[in-house]
N, C-alpha and C. Protein backbone atom coordinates (compact mmCIF):
# COMPACT_ATOMS: atom_id res chain seq x y z
N UNK A 1 -5.75 61.72 -45.45
CA UNK A 1 -5.13 61.09 -46.18
C UNK A 1 -3.60 60.19 -45.67
N UNK A 2 -3.36 61.17 -44.89
CA UNK A 2 -1.85 61.00 -44.28
C UNK A 2 -2.06 60.14 -43.10
N UNK A 3 -2.89 60.09 -42.38
CA UNK A 3 -3.17 59.01 -41.41
C UNK A 3 -3.10 57.60 -42.24
N UNK A 4 -4.24 57.61 -42.87
CA UNK A 4 -4.50 56.33 -43.48
C UNK A 4 -2.60 55.66 -44.46
N UNK A 5 -1.81 56.60 -44.89
CA UNK A 5 -0.81 56.31 -45.31
C UNK A 5 0.09 55.52 -44.36
N UNK A 6 0.32 56.42 -43.35
CA UNK A 6 0.90 55.87 -42.09
C UNK A 6 0.37 54.62 -41.48
N UNK A 7 -0.88 54.14 -41.36
CA UNK A 7 -1.35 53.14 -40.92
C UNK A 7 -1.08 51.85 -41.85
N UNK A 8 -0.80 52.49 -43.37
CA UNK A 8 -0.87 51.29 -44.03
C UNK A 8 0.94 51.05 -43.81
N UNK A 9 1.70 51.72 -43.83
CA UNK A 9 2.89 51.92 -44.05
C UNK A 9 3.49 50.29 -43.54
N UNK A 10 4.85 50.00 -44.26
CA UNK A 10 5.27 48.53 -43.74
C UNK A 10 6.86 48.89 -43.44
N UNK A 11 7.08 48.22 -42.21
CA UNK A 11 8.47 48.51 -41.90
C UNK A 11 8.83 47.53 -41.60
N UNK A 12 10.43 47.11 -42.43
CA UNK A 12 10.95 45.69 -42.56
C UNK A 12 12.16 46.07 -41.55
N UNK A 13 12.35 44.99 -40.84
CA UNK A 13 13.43 45.05 -40.09
C UNK A 13 14.54 43.96 -40.32
N UNK A 14 15.57 44.11 -41.19
CA UNK A 14 16.26 43.55 -41.53
C UNK A 14 15.83 42.22 -42.69
N UNK A 15 16.52 41.49 -42.65
CA UNK A 15 16.46 40.70 -44.18
C UNK A 15 15.51 39.09 -44.03
N UNK A 16 14.84 38.79 -44.52
CA UNK A 16 14.39 37.46 -44.05
C UNK A 16 15.24 36.58 -43.76
N UNK A 17 14.95 35.87 -43.23
CA UNK A 17 15.89 34.41 -42.25
C UNK A 17 16.44 33.71 -43.36
N UNK A 18 15.79 33.46 -44.35
CA UNK A 18 16.52 32.50 -45.66
C UNK A 18 17.59 33.15 -46.13
N UNK A 19 17.35 34.52 -46.15
CA UNK A 19 18.09 35.37 -47.42
C UNK A 19 19.65 35.32 -45.87
N UNK A 20 19.21 35.65 -44.93
CA UNK A 20 20.69 35.67 -43.83
C UNK A 20 20.90 34.35 -44.04
N UNK A 21 20.63 33.32 -43.70
CA UNK A 21 21.12 31.89 -43.82
C UNK A 21 22.03 31.65 -45.33
N UNK A 22 21.36 32.06 -46.39
CA UNK A 22 22.22 31.89 -47.77
C UNK A 22 23.45 33.01 -47.73
N UNK A 23 23.24 33.83 -47.08
CA UNK A 23 24.39 35.11 -46.88
C UNK A 23 25.89 34.28 -46.14
N UNK A 24 24.81 33.73 -44.80
CA UNK A 24 26.07 33.06 -44.30
C UNK A 24 26.32 32.07 -44.77
N UNK A 25 25.89 31.03 -45.42
CA UNK A 25 26.39 30.04 -46.01
C UNK A 25 27.29 30.01 -47.28
N UNK A 26 27.28 31.76 -47.93
CA UNK A 26 28.20 32.29 -48.92
C UNK A 26 29.32 32.59 -48.55
N UNK A 27 29.32 33.27 -47.01
CA UNK A 27 30.37 33.74 -46.45
C UNK A 27 31.40 32.51 -45.75
N UNK A 28 30.61 31.48 -45.34
CA UNK A 28 31.27 30.38 -44.89
C UNK A 28 32.12 29.81 -46.36
N UNK A 29 31.24 29.72 -47.17
CA UNK A 29 31.92 29.36 -48.43
C UNK A 29 33.02 29.93 -48.76
N UNK A 30 33.02 30.99 -48.75
CA UNK A 30 34.04 32.03 -49.58
C UNK A 30 35.43 31.75 -48.28
N UNK A 31 35.04 31.95 -47.47
CA UNK A 31 36.19 31.91 -46.36
C UNK A 31 36.87 30.76 -46.72
N UNK A 32 36.43 29.58 -46.47
CA UNK A 32 37.07 28.06 -46.98
C UNK A 32 37.44 27.81 -48.21
N UNK A 33 36.88 28.44 -49.38
CA UNK A 33 37.72 28.20 -50.39
C UNK A 33 38.83 29.14 -50.31
N UNK A 34 38.80 30.33 -49.95
CA UNK A 34 40.10 31.33 -50.05
C UNK A 34 40.93 30.81 -49.16
N UNK A 35 40.75 30.05 -47.87
CA UNK A 35 41.68 29.41 -46.55
C UNK A 35 42.35 28.10 -47.85
N UNK A 36 41.63 27.33 -48.74
CA UNK A 36 41.93 26.30 -49.16
C UNK A 36 43.19 26.63 -50.25
N UNK A 37 42.65 27.63 -51.11
CA UNK A 37 43.42 28.20 -52.18
C UNK A 37 44.90 28.85 -51.46
N UNK A 38 44.85 29.82 -50.15
CA UNK A 38 45.82 30.24 -50.05
C UNK A 38 46.70 29.14 -49.36
N UNK A 39 46.12 28.02 -48.69
CA UNK A 39 47.01 27.20 -48.41
C UNK A 39 47.98 26.28 -49.42
N UNK A 40 46.98 26.24 -50.31
CA UNK A 40 47.57 25.49 -51.50
C UNK A 40 49.20 26.67 -51.85
N UNK A 41 48.62 27.75 -51.92
CA UNK A 41 49.50 28.64 -52.57
C UNK A 41 51.10 28.64 -51.72
N UNK A 42 50.59 28.72 -50.31
CA UNK A 42 51.61 28.40 -49.60
C UNK A 42 52.38 27.24 -49.31
N UNK A 43 52.03 26.01 -49.66
CA UNK A 43 52.48 24.59 -49.95
C UNK A 43 53.43 24.78 -51.17
N UNK A 44 53.11 25.34 -52.28
CA UNK A 44 53.23 25.00 -53.73
C UNK A 44 54.48 25.77 -53.79
N UNK A 45 54.15 27.47 -53.41
CA UNK A 45 55.21 28.35 -53.49
C UNK A 45 56.32 28.12 -52.47
N UNK A 46 56.20 27.63 -51.26
CA UNK A 46 57.18 27.71 -50.42
C UNK A 46 57.94 29.25 -49.76
N UNK A 47 57.30 29.96 -50.03
CA UNK A 47 58.00 31.54 -49.88
C UNK A 47 57.22 31.48 -48.87
N UNK A 48 57.43 32.11 -47.59
CA UNK A 48 56.62 32.23 -46.63
C UNK A 48 57.08 34.29 -46.08
N UNK A 49 57.84 34.79 -47.11
CA UNK A 49 58.41 36.32 -46.62
C UNK A 49 56.84 36.83 -46.75
N UNK A 50 56.80 38.50 -46.44
CA UNK A 50 55.71 39.11 -46.48
C UNK A 50 55.41 39.40 -48.12
N UNK A 51 56.16 39.72 -48.73
CA UNK A 51 55.86 39.82 -50.17
C UNK A 51 55.11 38.75 -50.59
N UNK A 52 55.57 37.45 -50.87
CA UNK A 52 54.81 36.30 -51.37
C UNK A 52 53.42 36.03 -50.68
N UNK A 53 53.63 36.22 -49.36
CA UNK A 53 52.44 35.80 -48.84
C UNK A 53 51.19 36.74 -48.97
N UNK A 54 51.53 38.30 -49.44
CA UNK A 54 50.23 39.20 -49.55
C UNK A 54 50.26 38.59 -50.98
N UNK A 55 51.07 38.59 -51.97
CA UNK A 55 50.68 38.35 -53.32
C UNK A 55 49.81 37.10 -53.34
N UNK A 56 50.03 35.99 -52.36
CA UNK A 56 49.36 34.84 -52.52
C UNK A 56 47.88 35.14 -51.99
N UNK A 57 47.50 35.83 -50.87
CA UNK A 57 46.41 36.36 -50.57
C UNK A 57 45.82 37.22 -51.72
N UNK A 58 46.30 38.13 -52.09
CA UNK A 58 45.52 38.87 -53.03
C UNK A 58 45.29 37.90 -54.28
N UNK A 59 45.99 36.82 -54.74
CA UNK A 59 45.50 36.34 -55.64
C UNK A 59 44.60 35.46 -55.38
N UNK A 60 44.78 34.62 -53.84
CA UNK A 60 43.53 33.81 -53.68
C UNK A 60 42.61 34.34 -53.57
N UNK A 61 42.17 35.36 -52.85
CA UNK A 61 41.10 36.20 -52.64
C UNK A 61 40.28 36.43 -53.76
N UNK A 62 41.02 37.22 -55.13
CA UNK A 62 40.53 37.06 -56.42
C UNK A 62 39.79 36.06 -56.90
N UNK A 63 41.03 35.04 -57.17
CA UNK A 63 40.19 33.61 -57.53
C UNK A 63 39.02 33.06 -56.66
N UNK A 64 39.03 33.55 -55.72
CA UNK A 64 37.70 32.95 -54.62
C UNK A 64 36.63 33.89 -55.28
N UNK A 65 36.85 35.17 -55.44
CA UNK A 65 35.90 35.99 -55.67
C UNK A 65 35.17 35.69 -56.95
N UNK A 66 36.18 35.55 -58.31
CA UNK A 66 35.53 35.53 -59.47
C UNK A 66 35.01 34.04 -59.99
N UNK A 67 35.15 33.21 -58.64
CA UNK A 67 34.70 31.53 -59.12
C UNK A 67 33.40 31.67 -57.88
N UNK A 68 32.86 32.62 -57.52
CA UNK A 68 31.66 32.32 -56.54
C UNK A 68 30.77 31.61 -57.19
N UNK A 69 30.33 31.92 -58.50
CA UNK A 69 29.33 31.37 -59.08
C UNK A 69 29.28 30.18 -59.80
N UNK A 70 30.61 29.49 -59.74
CA UNK A 70 31.09 28.55 -60.57
C UNK A 70 30.53 27.20 -59.66
N UNK A 71 30.70 27.58 -58.31
CA UNK A 71 30.46 26.01 -57.34
C UNK A 71 29.03 25.92 -57.11
N UNK A 72 28.37 24.63 -57.28
CA UNK A 72 27.04 24.41 -56.99
C UNK A 72 26.80 24.83 -55.64
N UNK A 73 25.23 24.78 -54.87
CA UNK A 73 25.19 24.90 -54.06
C UNK A 73 25.24 24.24 -52.44
N UNK A 74 25.65 22.87 -53.07
CA UNK A 74 26.22 21.63 -52.36
C UNK A 74 27.42 21.82 -51.75
N UNK A 75 28.24 22.40 -52.21
CA UNK A 75 29.51 23.22 -52.03
C UNK A 75 29.89 23.39 -50.74
N UNK A 76 28.63 24.48 -50.43
CA UNK A 76 28.75 25.44 -49.44
C UNK A 76 28.23 24.53 -48.22
N UNK A 77 27.71 23.20 -48.42
CA UNK A 77 27.47 22.52 -47.20
C UNK A 77 28.30 21.76 -46.79
N UNK A 78 29.68 21.91 -47.17
CA UNK A 78 31.34 21.04 -46.89
C UNK A 78 31.64 21.87 -45.49
N UNK A 79 30.63 23.06 -44.97
CA UNK A 79 30.85 23.81 -43.48
C UNK A 79 31.02 22.82 -42.61
N UNK A 80 30.39 21.87 -42.97
CA UNK A 80 30.20 20.67 -41.62
C UNK A 80 31.32 20.12 -41.35
N UNK A 81 32.02 20.13 -40.19
CA UNK A 81 33.42 19.54 -39.47
C UNK A 81 33.49 18.27 -40.23
N UNK A 82 32.61 17.24 -39.93
CA UNK A 82 32.28 15.96 -39.92
C UNK A 82 32.62 15.35 -41.62
N UNK A 83 32.08 16.17 -42.18
CA UNK A 83 32.24 15.81 -43.89
C UNK A 83 33.23 16.59 -44.46
N UNK A 84 33.74 17.32 -43.64
CA UNK A 84 35.18 17.78 -44.15
C UNK A 84 36.17 16.84 -43.60
N UNK A 85 36.07 16.21 -42.62
CA UNK A 85 36.98 15.51 -42.11
C UNK A 85 36.94 14.14 -43.07
N UNK A 86 36.00 13.77 -43.24
CA UNK A 86 35.69 12.84 -44.31
C UNK A 86 36.29 12.66 -45.66
N UNK A 87 36.04 14.15 -46.07
CA UNK A 87 36.67 14.34 -47.26
C UNK A 87 38.07 14.53 -47.07
N UNK A 88 38.61 14.93 -46.12
CA UNK A 88 40.40 15.04 -45.86
C UNK A 88 40.64 13.81 -45.70
N UNK A 89 39.91 12.32 -45.39
CA UNK A 89 40.58 11.08 -45.26
C UNK A 89 40.44 10.45 -46.62
N UNK A 90 39.21 11.07 -47.37
CA UNK A 90 39.09 10.46 -48.68
C UNK A 90 40.27 11.07 -49.57
N UNK A 91 40.71 12.00 -49.64
CA UNK A 91 41.64 12.37 -50.89
C UNK A 91 42.95 11.82 -50.63
N UNK A 92 43.33 11.40 -49.53
CA UNK A 92 44.75 10.56 -49.52
C UNK A 92 44.57 9.21 -50.03
N UNK A 93 42.96 8.76 -49.29
CA UNK A 93 43.05 7.32 -49.60
C UNK A 93 42.89 7.11 -51.67
N UNK A 94 42.36 8.34 -52.12
CA UNK A 94 41.98 8.28 -53.39
C UNK A 94 43.12 8.40 -54.41
N UNK A 95 44.46 9.24 -53.40
CA UNK A 95 45.88 9.05 -54.24
C UNK A 95 46.22 7.78 -54.17
N UNK A 96 46.26 7.05 -52.64
CA UNK A 96 47.07 5.69 -53.00
C UNK A 96 46.25 5.03 -53.72
N UNK A 97 44.91 4.58 -53.87
CA UNK A 97 44.13 3.86 -54.88
C UNK A 97 44.79 4.37 -56.13
N UNK A 98 44.86 5.44 -56.52
CA UNK A 98 45.46 5.78 -57.88
C UNK A 98 46.95 5.23 -58.13
N UNK A 99 47.83 5.42 -57.00
CA UNK A 99 49.35 4.93 -57.30
C UNK A 99 49.30 3.60 -57.44
N UNK A 100 48.22 2.53 -56.54
CA UNK A 100 48.19 1.13 -56.82
C UNK A 100 47.87 0.50 -58.08
N UNK A 101 47.01 1.57 -58.60
CA UNK A 101 46.72 1.43 -59.93
C UNK A 101 47.66 1.69 -60.91
N UNK A 102 48.10 2.71 -60.71
CA UNK A 102 49.31 2.81 -61.89
C UNK A 102 50.45 1.61 -61.58
N UNK A 103 50.58 1.42 -60.82
CA UNK A 103 51.97 0.34 -60.15
C UNK A 103 51.23 -1.07 -61.20
N UNK A 104 49.97 -1.22 -60.61
CA UNK A 104 49.67 -2.38 -61.44
C UNK A 104 49.37 -2.28 -63.27
N UNK A 105 49.13 -1.30 -63.63
CA UNK A 105 49.13 -1.34 -64.87
C UNK A 105 50.31 -1.07 -65.47
N UNK A 106 51.43 -0.42 -64.69
CA UNK A 106 52.83 -0.59 -65.35
C UNK A 106 53.42 -1.93 -65.23
N UNK A 107 53.07 -2.86 -64.20
CA UNK A 107 53.08 -4.04 -64.39
C UNK A 107 52.83 -4.76 -65.78
N UNK A 108 51.22 -4.65 -65.94
CA UNK A 108 51.00 -5.29 -66.85
C UNK A 108 51.27 -4.70 -67.87
N UNK A 109 51.76 -3.44 -68.45
CA UNK A 109 52.05 -2.85 -69.61
C UNK A 109 53.95 -3.78 -70.05
N UNK A 110 54.38 -4.06 -68.96
CA UNK A 110 55.57 -4.94 -69.22
C UNK A 110 55.44 -6.56 -69.22
N UNK A 111 54.22 -6.83 -69.07
CA UNK A 111 54.02 -8.57 -68.91
C UNK A 111 54.20 -8.93 -70.24
N UNK A 112 54.92 -10.05 -70.71
CA UNK A 112 54.90 -10.79 -71.85
C UNK A 112 53.79 -11.31 -72.48
N UNK A 113 52.47 -11.54 -71.64
CA UNK A 113 51.30 -12.02 -72.14
C UNK A 113 50.19 -10.75 -71.96
N UNK A 114 50.50 -9.90 -72.13
CA UNK A 114 49.82 -8.50 -72.30
C UNK A 114 48.48 -8.78 -72.83
N UNK A 115 48.53 -9.67 -73.99
CA UNK A 115 47.45 -9.54 -74.86
C UNK A 115 46.31 -10.75 -73.80
N UNK A 116 47.06 -11.46 -73.17
CA UNK A 116 45.91 -12.36 -72.68
C UNK A 116 45.30 -11.65 -71.32
N UNK A 117 45.77 -10.58 -70.90
CA UNK A 117 45.49 -10.27 -69.73
C UNK A 117 44.61 -8.73 -69.73
N UNK A 118 44.27 -8.38 -71.07
CA UNK A 118 43.67 -7.19 -71.27
C UNK A 118 42.38 -7.74 -71.90
N UNK A 119 41.15 -7.16 -71.07
CA UNK A 119 39.89 -7.78 -71.41
C UNK A 119 38.98 -6.49 -71.36
N UNK A 120 39.26 -5.32 -71.99
CA UNK A 120 38.45 -4.32 -71.84
C UNK A 120 36.87 -4.63 -72.16
N UNK A 121 36.03 -3.72 -71.17
CA UNK A 121 34.59 -3.88 -71.11
C UNK A 121 34.06 -2.77 -70.49
N UNK A 122 32.75 -2.55 -70.88
CA UNK A 122 31.56 -1.52 -70.30
C UNK A 122 31.17 -2.07 -69.09
N UNK A 123 31.25 -1.57 -67.98
CA UNK A 123 30.69 -2.23 -66.65
C UNK A 123 29.55 -1.17 -66.23
N UNK A 124 28.40 -1.68 -66.21
CA UNK A 124 27.12 -0.55 -65.91
C UNK A 124 26.32 -1.15 -64.62
N UNK A 125 26.80 -0.56 -63.60
CA UNK A 125 26.03 -0.54 -62.38
C UNK A 125 24.91 0.88 -61.80
N UNK A 126 24.23 0.15 -60.84
CA UNK A 126 23.63 1.24 -60.22
C UNK A 126 24.01 1.69 -59.00
N UNK A 127 24.29 2.88 -58.68
CA UNK A 127 25.19 3.66 -57.56
C UNK A 127 23.75 4.14 -56.23
N UNK A 128 24.04 3.82 -55.19
CA UNK A 128 23.49 4.65 -54.21
C UNK A 128 23.46 6.12 -54.33
N UNK A 129 24.16 6.74 -54.80
CA UNK A 129 24.27 8.40 -54.81
C UNK A 129 23.34 8.85 -55.49
N UNK A 130 22.93 10.09 -55.02
CA UNK A 130 21.71 10.62 -55.51
C UNK A 130 21.58 12.23 -56.01
N UNK A 131 22.75 12.76 -55.08
CA UNK A 131 23.07 14.42 -55.44
C UNK A 131 24.14 14.38 -56.71
N UNK A 132 23.77 15.54 -57.43
CA UNK A 132 24.56 15.76 -58.74
C UNK A 132 26.12 15.85 -58.20
N UNK A 133 26.48 16.57 -57.10
CA UNK A 133 27.89 16.68 -56.57
C UNK A 133 28.11 15.40 -56.10
N UNK A 134 27.70 14.50 -55.55
CA UNK A 134 28.04 13.40 -55.16
C UNK A 134 28.46 12.37 -56.29
N UNK A 135 27.53 12.45 -57.59
CA UNK A 135 27.66 11.72 -58.60
C UNK A 135 29.12 11.80 -59.42
N UNK A 136 29.15 13.35 -59.25
CA UNK A 136 30.37 14.19 -60.00
C UNK A 136 31.57 13.56 -59.14
N UNK A 137 31.68 13.56 -58.21
CA UNK A 137 32.49 13.15 -57.45
C UNK A 137 32.98 11.68 -57.78
N UNK A 138 32.01 10.71 -57.86
CA UNK A 138 32.23 9.67 -57.98
C UNK A 138 32.57 9.19 -59.39
N UNK A 139 32.35 9.82 -60.23
CA UNK A 139 32.65 9.69 -61.63
C UNK A 139 34.04 10.68 -61.98
N UNK A 140 34.06 11.38 -61.01
CA UNK A 140 35.21 11.90 -61.21
C UNK A 140 36.59 11.01 -60.82
N UNK A 141 36.47 10.50 -59.68
CA UNK A 141 37.13 9.38 -58.67
C UNK A 141 37.33 8.17 -59.68
N UNK A 142 36.31 7.88 -60.38
CA UNK A 142 36.63 6.24 -61.29
C UNK A 142 37.69 7.00 -62.47
N UNK A 143 37.17 8.09 -62.87
CA UNK A 143 38.28 8.52 -64.18
C UNK A 143 39.86 8.79 -63.85
N UNK A 144 39.96 9.40 -62.59
CA UNK A 144 41.35 9.35 -62.06
C UNK A 144 41.97 8.30 -61.85
N UNK A 145 41.02 7.13 -61.39
CA UNK A 145 41.98 5.87 -60.91
C UNK A 145 42.28 5.32 -62.54
N UNK A 146 43.32 5.15 -62.66
CA UNK A 146 44.01 4.22 -63.97
C UNK A 146 43.36 2.99 -64.16
N UNK A 147 42.88 2.94 -65.37
CA UNK A 147 42.53 1.51 -65.88
C UNK A 147 40.99 1.52 -66.01
N UNK A 148 40.09 2.88 -65.62
CA UNK A 148 38.79 2.95 -65.54
C UNK A 148 38.61 4.36 -66.28
N UNK A 149 37.23 4.58 -66.73
CA UNK A 149 36.78 5.93 -67.30
C UNK A 149 35.44 5.87 -67.12
N UNK A 150 34.90 6.58 -66.70
CA UNK A 150 33.42 6.81 -66.61
C UNK A 150 33.27 7.26 -68.07
N UNK A 151 32.10 6.47 -68.60
CA UNK A 151 31.63 6.65 -69.75
C UNK A 151 30.28 7.50 -69.69
N UNK A 152 29.62 7.20 -68.99
CA UNK A 152 28.17 8.21 -68.70
C UNK A 152 27.38 7.86 -67.32
N UNK A 153 26.88 8.92 -67.05
CA UNK A 153 26.15 8.34 -65.64
C UNK A 153 24.84 9.85 -65.61
N UNK A 154 24.02 9.25 -65.38
CA UNK A 154 22.68 10.30 -64.76
C UNK A 154 22.42 10.09 -63.47
N UNK A 155 21.35 11.02 -63.40
CA UNK A 155 20.70 11.46 -62.32
C UNK A 155 19.76 10.19 -61.52
N UNK A 156 19.61 9.15 -62.16
CA UNK A 156 18.76 8.21 -61.50
C UNK A 156 20.19 7.07 -60.69
N UNK A 157 21.36 7.26 -60.92
CA UNK A 157 22.16 6.72 -60.72
C UNK A 157 22.89 5.19 -61.49
N UNK A 158 22.58 5.64 -62.56
CA UNK A 158 23.08 4.70 -63.59
C UNK A 158 24.30 5.00 -63.77
N UNK A 159 25.61 4.17 -64.03
CA UNK A 159 26.99 4.72 -64.28
C UNK A 159 27.12 3.57 -64.93
N UNK A 160 28.21 3.92 -66.20
CA UNK A 160 28.58 2.83 -67.17
C UNK A 160 30.06 3.76 -67.31
N UNK A 161 30.84 2.37 -66.96
CA UNK A 161 32.33 2.77 -66.93
C UNK A 161 33.11 1.38 -67.80
N UNK A 162 34.23 2.17 -68.43
CA UNK A 162 35.18 1.50 -69.04
C UNK A 162 36.26 1.10 -68.38
N UNK A 163 36.41 -0.33 -68.46
CA UNK A 163 37.32 -1.10 -67.56
C UNK A 163 38.30 -1.47 -68.61
N UNK A 164 39.62 -1.32 -67.94
CA UNK A 164 40.61 -2.18 -69.01
C UNK A 164 40.93 -3.28 -69.12
N UNK A 165 40.43 -3.78 -67.85
CA UNK A 165 40.85 -5.42 -67.83
C UNK A 165 40.12 -5.68 -66.39
N UNK A 166 39.93 -7.26 -66.12
CA UNK A 166 38.76 -7.67 -65.01
C UNK A 166 39.00 -7.26 -63.95
N UNK A 167 40.22 -6.91 -63.30
CA UNK A 167 40.26 -6.44 -62.26
C UNK A 167 39.83 -5.30 -62.07
N UNK A 168 39.76 -4.12 -63.06
CA UNK A 168 39.55 -2.83 -62.69
C UNK A 168 38.01 -3.39 -62.47
N UNK A 169 37.47 -4.05 -63.59
CA UNK A 169 35.78 -4.25 -63.63
C UNK A 169 35.26 -4.86 -62.28
N UNK A 170 36.21 -5.96 -61.59
CA UNK A 170 35.51 -6.26 -60.30
C UNK A 170 35.42 -5.59 -59.45
N UNK A 171 36.57 -4.39 -59.26
CA UNK A 171 36.61 -3.25 -58.32
C UNK A 171 35.14 -2.31 -58.18
N UNK A 172 34.54 -2.35 -59.29
CA UNK A 172 33.24 -1.47 -59.21
C UNK A 172 32.38 -1.93 -58.57
N UNK A 173 31.47 -0.95 -57.86
CA UNK A 173 31.68 0.18 -57.62
C UNK A 173 32.81 0.49 -56.17
N UNK A 174 32.86 -0.50 -55.38
CA UNK A 174 33.47 -0.71 -54.29
C UNK A 174 33.39 0.33 -53.13
N UNK A 175 34.72 0.02 -52.76
CA UNK A 175 34.71 1.02 -51.81
C UNK A 175 35.02 2.51 -51.94
N UNK A 176 34.91 2.99 -53.07
CA UNK A 176 35.10 4.45 -53.56
C UNK A 176 33.28 4.78 -53.03
N UNK A 177 32.37 3.97 -53.80
CA UNK A 177 31.15 4.47 -53.44
C UNK A 177 30.80 4.53 -51.92
N UNK A 178 31.13 3.60 -51.21
CA UNK A 178 31.10 3.88 -49.95
C UNK A 178 31.48 4.87 -49.26
N UNK A 179 32.67 5.41 -49.65
CA UNK A 179 33.05 6.20 -49.02
C UNK A 179 32.75 7.76 -49.18
N UNK A 180 32.24 7.83 -50.71
CA UNK A 180 31.59 9.04 -51.01
C UNK A 180 30.30 9.19 -50.51
N UNK A 181 29.64 8.14 -50.52
CA UNK A 181 28.40 8.22 -49.70
C UNK A 181 28.33 8.97 -48.21
N UNK A 182 29.26 8.00 -47.60
CA UNK A 182 29.46 8.53 -46.20
C UNK A 182 30.04 10.23 -46.10
N UNK A 183 30.45 10.50 -47.23
CA UNK A 183 30.94 12.13 -46.91
C UNK A 183 29.80 12.89 -47.26
N UNK A 184 28.61 12.48 -48.40
CA UNK A 184 27.68 13.07 -48.42
C UNK A 184 26.48 12.85 -47.77
N UNK A 185 26.39 11.92 -46.88
CA UNK A 185 25.35 11.43 -46.23
C UNK A 185 25.57 12.67 -44.73
N UNK A 186 26.80 13.25 -44.79
CA UNK A 186 26.93 14.10 -43.58
C UNK A 186 26.24 15.32 -43.91
N UNK A 187 26.17 15.65 -45.26
CA UNK A 187 25.90 16.99 -45.63
C UNK A 187 24.24 17.52 -45.31
């Protein structure tokens, strides 16, 4: 009987490759989110002494740890440098677009012929984006841009947007979709 048990015994060496890969992705994701939070802490606090940097590191690590399950698996794919680079270029572009739309709406608000220029409408278009994370990026970017609000978006790629006026409606989906597509094609 002992000989039979020994011949059937299964010896495992290490974890399966998929599990190791997932753990590696999770570790990289953890480190990147920690660095992003800690960098934000340093920039916003402006305190570079040992005490404040230690508190910032501890808080950043704690927030990163408790938010591990919040992020979808696609976020872990942002470890690719080209995708991160394109995302880093996208954020300032989006901020600039938000500023331009704010100025346009400010001019419009003080225009004596305001009623003639406002033409609210719902614009529906089909986007080429397919992943949930890319669709979420598009929906949030549209909503953050003044004059437009994403009303609905589905996984088939149909997006409905409320546009404040004709200029906002004509710009949909525009460069925003192309830039987001470029980011998520790299993943």
